[in-house]
Amino acid sequence: MAAKDGAKGSGRQLFHLVFGGELTSLDGMEFSDLKALDVVGIYPNYAQAYDAWKDAAHRTVDDAHMRYFIVHLHRLLDPDKGPGETAG
């Protein structure tokens, strides 16, 4: 899968957070225990974050209530920049 928010080795740091946890229901996004969230890590581009997300999701594939997410931190750090622009 091609990364649209920064390819591996591009030198740009477009930070992404990968985290997950057990949801209270299958049709919502409320976590059952915030203290038990699994923070997988922060990655310098979407491609590496996607790989980490995929690994974490595969480890918990048997638990339907477990969900992992990728958060585009670079968009939160500088919301006025477009997806292709770097912050700072």
C-alpha atoms as a PDB file:
ATOM      1  CA  MET A   1       0.000   0.000   0.000  1.00  0.00           C
ATOM      2  CA  ALA A   2       1.395   3.379  -0.976  1.00  0.00           C
ATOM      3  CA  ALA A   3       1.614   5.968   1.757  1.00  0.00           C
ATOM      4  CA  LYS A   4       0.045   9.275   0.850  1.00  0.00           C
ATOM      5  CA  ASP A   5       1.312  11.163   3.914  1.00  0.00           C
ATOM      6  CA  GLY A   6       5.028  10.615   3.489  1.00  0.00           C
ATOM      7  CA  ALA A   7       6.821   7.654   2.028  1.00  0.00           C
ATOM      8  CA  LYS A   8       9.542   5.691   3.767  1.00  0.00           C
ATOM      9  CA  GLY A   9      12.854   7.451   3.423  1.00  0.00           C
ATOM     10  CA  SER A  10      11.376  10.757   2.240  1.00  0.00           C
ATOM     11  CA  GLY A  11      13.020  12.648   5.115  1.00  0.00           C
ATOM     12  CA  ARG A  12       9.765  14.378   6.087  1.00  0.00           C
ATOM     13  CA  GLN A  13       8.470  13.764   9.568  1.00  0.00           C
ATOM     14  CA  LEU A  14       4.687  13.610   9.457  1.00  0.00           C
ATOM     15  CA  PHE A  15       4.034  12.076  12.863  1.00  0.00           C
ATOM     16  CA  HIS A  16       1.365   9.413  13.336  1.00  0.00           C
ATOM     17  CA  LEU A  17       0.188   7.814  16.592  1.00  0.00           C
ATOM     18  CA  VAL A  18      -0.953   4.186  16.644  1.00  0.00           C
ATOM     19  CA  PHE A  19      -3.071   3.096  19.597  1.00  0.00           C
ATOM     20  CA  GLY A  20      -5.954   0.799  20.425  1.00  0.00           C
ATOM     21  CA  GLY A  21      -8.022  -0.847  23.052  1.00  0.00           C
ATOM     22  CA  GLU A  22     -11.209  -2.684  23.879  1.00  0.00           C
ATOM     23  CA  LEU A  23     -14.406  -0.931  22.806  1.00  0.00           C
ATOM     24  CA  THR A  24     -17.611  -1.020  24.842  1.00  0.00           C
ATOM     25  CA  SER A  25     -19.655  -1.901  21.741  1.00  0.00           C
ATOM     26  CA  LEU A  26     -18.985  -2.889  18.149  1.00  0.00           C
ATOM     27  CA  ASP A  27     -20.818   0.113  16.709  1.00  0.00           C
ATOM     28  CA  GLY A  28     -19.152   2.829  18.809  1.00  0.00           C
ATOM     29  CA  MET A  29     -15.771   4.330  19.559  1.00  0.00           C
ATOM     30  CA  GLU A  30     -15.905   4.378  23.356  1.00  0.00           C
ATOM     31  CA  PHE A  31     -13.163   2.438  25.136  1.00  0.00           C
ATOM     32  CA  SER A  32     -14.086   0.181  28.037  1.00  0.00           C
ATOM     33  CA  ASP A  33     -10.952   1.048  30.073  1.00  0.00           C
ATOM     34  CA  LEU A  34      -8.828   4.092  29.211  1.00  0.00           C
ATOM     35  CA  LYS A  35      -6.068   2.916  31.556  1.00  0.00           C
ATOM     36  CA  ALA A  36      -5.716  -0.247  29.480  1.00  0.00           C
ATOM     37  CA  LEU A  37      -5.167   1.515  26.128  1.00  0.00           C
ATOM     38  CA  ASP A  38      -2.336   0.040  24.099  1.00  0.00           C
ATOM     39  CA  VAL A  39      -0.157   2.888  22.810  1.00  0.00           C
ATOM     40  CA  VAL A  40       1.804   1.141  20.085  1.00  0.00           C
ATOM     41  CA  GLY A  41       3.957   4.152  19.227  1.00  0.00           C
ATOM     42  CA  ILE A  42       4.569   7.336  17.280  1.00  0.00           C
ATOM     43  CA  TYR A  43       5.932   6.973  13.757  1.00  0.00           C
ATOM     44  CA  PRO A  44       7.545   9.492  11.367  1.00  0.00           C
ATOM     45  CA  ASN A  45       5.327   8.633   8.392  1.00  0.00           C
ATOM     46  CA  TYR A  46       2.086   6.931   7.451  1.00  0.00           C
ATOM     47  CA  ALA A  47       3.758   3.855   5.946  1.00  0.00           C
ATOM     48  CA  GLN A  48       5.486   2.913   9.205  1.00  0.00           C
ATOM     49  CA  ALA A  49       2.359   3.707  11.227  1.00  0.00           C
ATOM     50  CA  TYR A  50       0.285   1.528   8.909  1.00  0.00           C
ATOM     51  CA  ASP A  51       2.707  -1.379   9.354  1.00  0.00           C
ATOM     52  CA  ALA A  52       2.528  -1.017  13.162  1.00  0.00           C
ATOM     53  CA  TRP A  53      -1.283  -0.723  13.051  1.00  0.00           C
ATOM     54  CA  LYS A  54      -1.523  -3.839  10.899  1.00  0.00           C
ATOM     55  CA  ASP A  55       0.719  -5.848  13.251  1.00  0.00           C
ATOM     56  CA  ALA A  56      -1.291  -4.784  16.320  1.00  0.00           C
ATOM     57  CA  ALA A  57      -4.621  -5.459  14.624  1.00  0.00           C
ATOM     58  CA  HIS A  58      -3.496  -8.931  13.541  1.00  0.00           C
ATOM     59  CA  ARG A  59      -2.419  -9.813  17.093  1.00  0.00           C
ATOM     60  CA  THR A  60      -5.962  -9.123  18.337  1.00  0.00           C
ATOM     61  CA  VAL A  61      -7.968 -10.409  15.377  1.00  0.00           C
ATOM     62  CA  ASP A  62      -9.831 -12.937  17.558  1.00  0.00           C
ATOM     63  CA  ASP A  63     -11.236 -10.216  19.848  1.00  0.00           C
ATOM     64  CA  ALA A  64     -14.016  -8.397  17.993  1.00  0.00           C
ATOM     65  CA  HIS A  65     -14.058  -5.548  20.531  1.00  0.00           C
ATOM     66  CA  MET A  66     -10.375  -4.668  20.084  1.00  0.00           C
ATOM     67  CA  ARG A  67      -9.696  -1.826  17.659  1.00  0.00           C
ATOM     68  CA  TYR A  68      -6.540   0.003  16.657  1.00  0.00           C
ATOM     69  CA  PHE A  69      -6.379   3.467  15.139  1.00  0.00           C
ATOM     70  CA  ILE A  70      -3.906   5.718  13.340  1.00  0.00           C
ATOM     71  CA  VAL A  71      -4.020   9.379  14.374  1.00  0.00           C
ATOM     72  CA  HIS A  72      -2.409  11.931  12.044  1.00  0.00           C
ATOM     73  CA  LEU A  73      -0.557  13.933  14.713  1.00  0.00           C
ATOM     74  CA  HIS A  74       1.033  16.216  12.125  1.00  0.00           C
ATOM     75  CA  ARG A  75      -2.443  17.488  11.231  1.00  0.00           C
ATOM     76  CA  LEU A  76      -3.156  18.278  14.891  1.00  0.00           C
ATOM     77  CA  LEU A  77       0.197  20.010  15.378  1.00  0.00           C
ATOM     78  CA  ASP A  78      -0.333  22.357  12.433  1.00  0.00           C
ATOM     79  CA  PRO A  79      -3.957  22.222  11.222  1.00  0.00           C
ATOM     80  CA  ASP A  80      -3.455  25.114   8.757  1.00  0.00           C
ATOM     81  CA  LYS A  81      -1.080  23.045   6.626  1.00  0.00           C
ATOM     82  CA  GLY A  82      -2.410  20.778   3.924  1.00  0.00           C
ATOM     83  CA  PRO A  83      -1.612  17.028   3.854  1.00  0.00           C
ATOM     84  CA  GLY A  84       1.390  17.564   1.546  1.00  0.00           C
ATOM     85  CA  GLU A  85       2.902  20.476   3.493  1.00  0.00           C
ATOM     86  CA  THR A  86       5.310  20.143   6.390  1.00  0.00           C
ATOM     87  CA  ALA A  87       4.876  21.894   9.699  1.00  0.00           C
ATOM     88  CA  GLY A  88       7.402  24.338  11.059  1.00  0.00           C
END
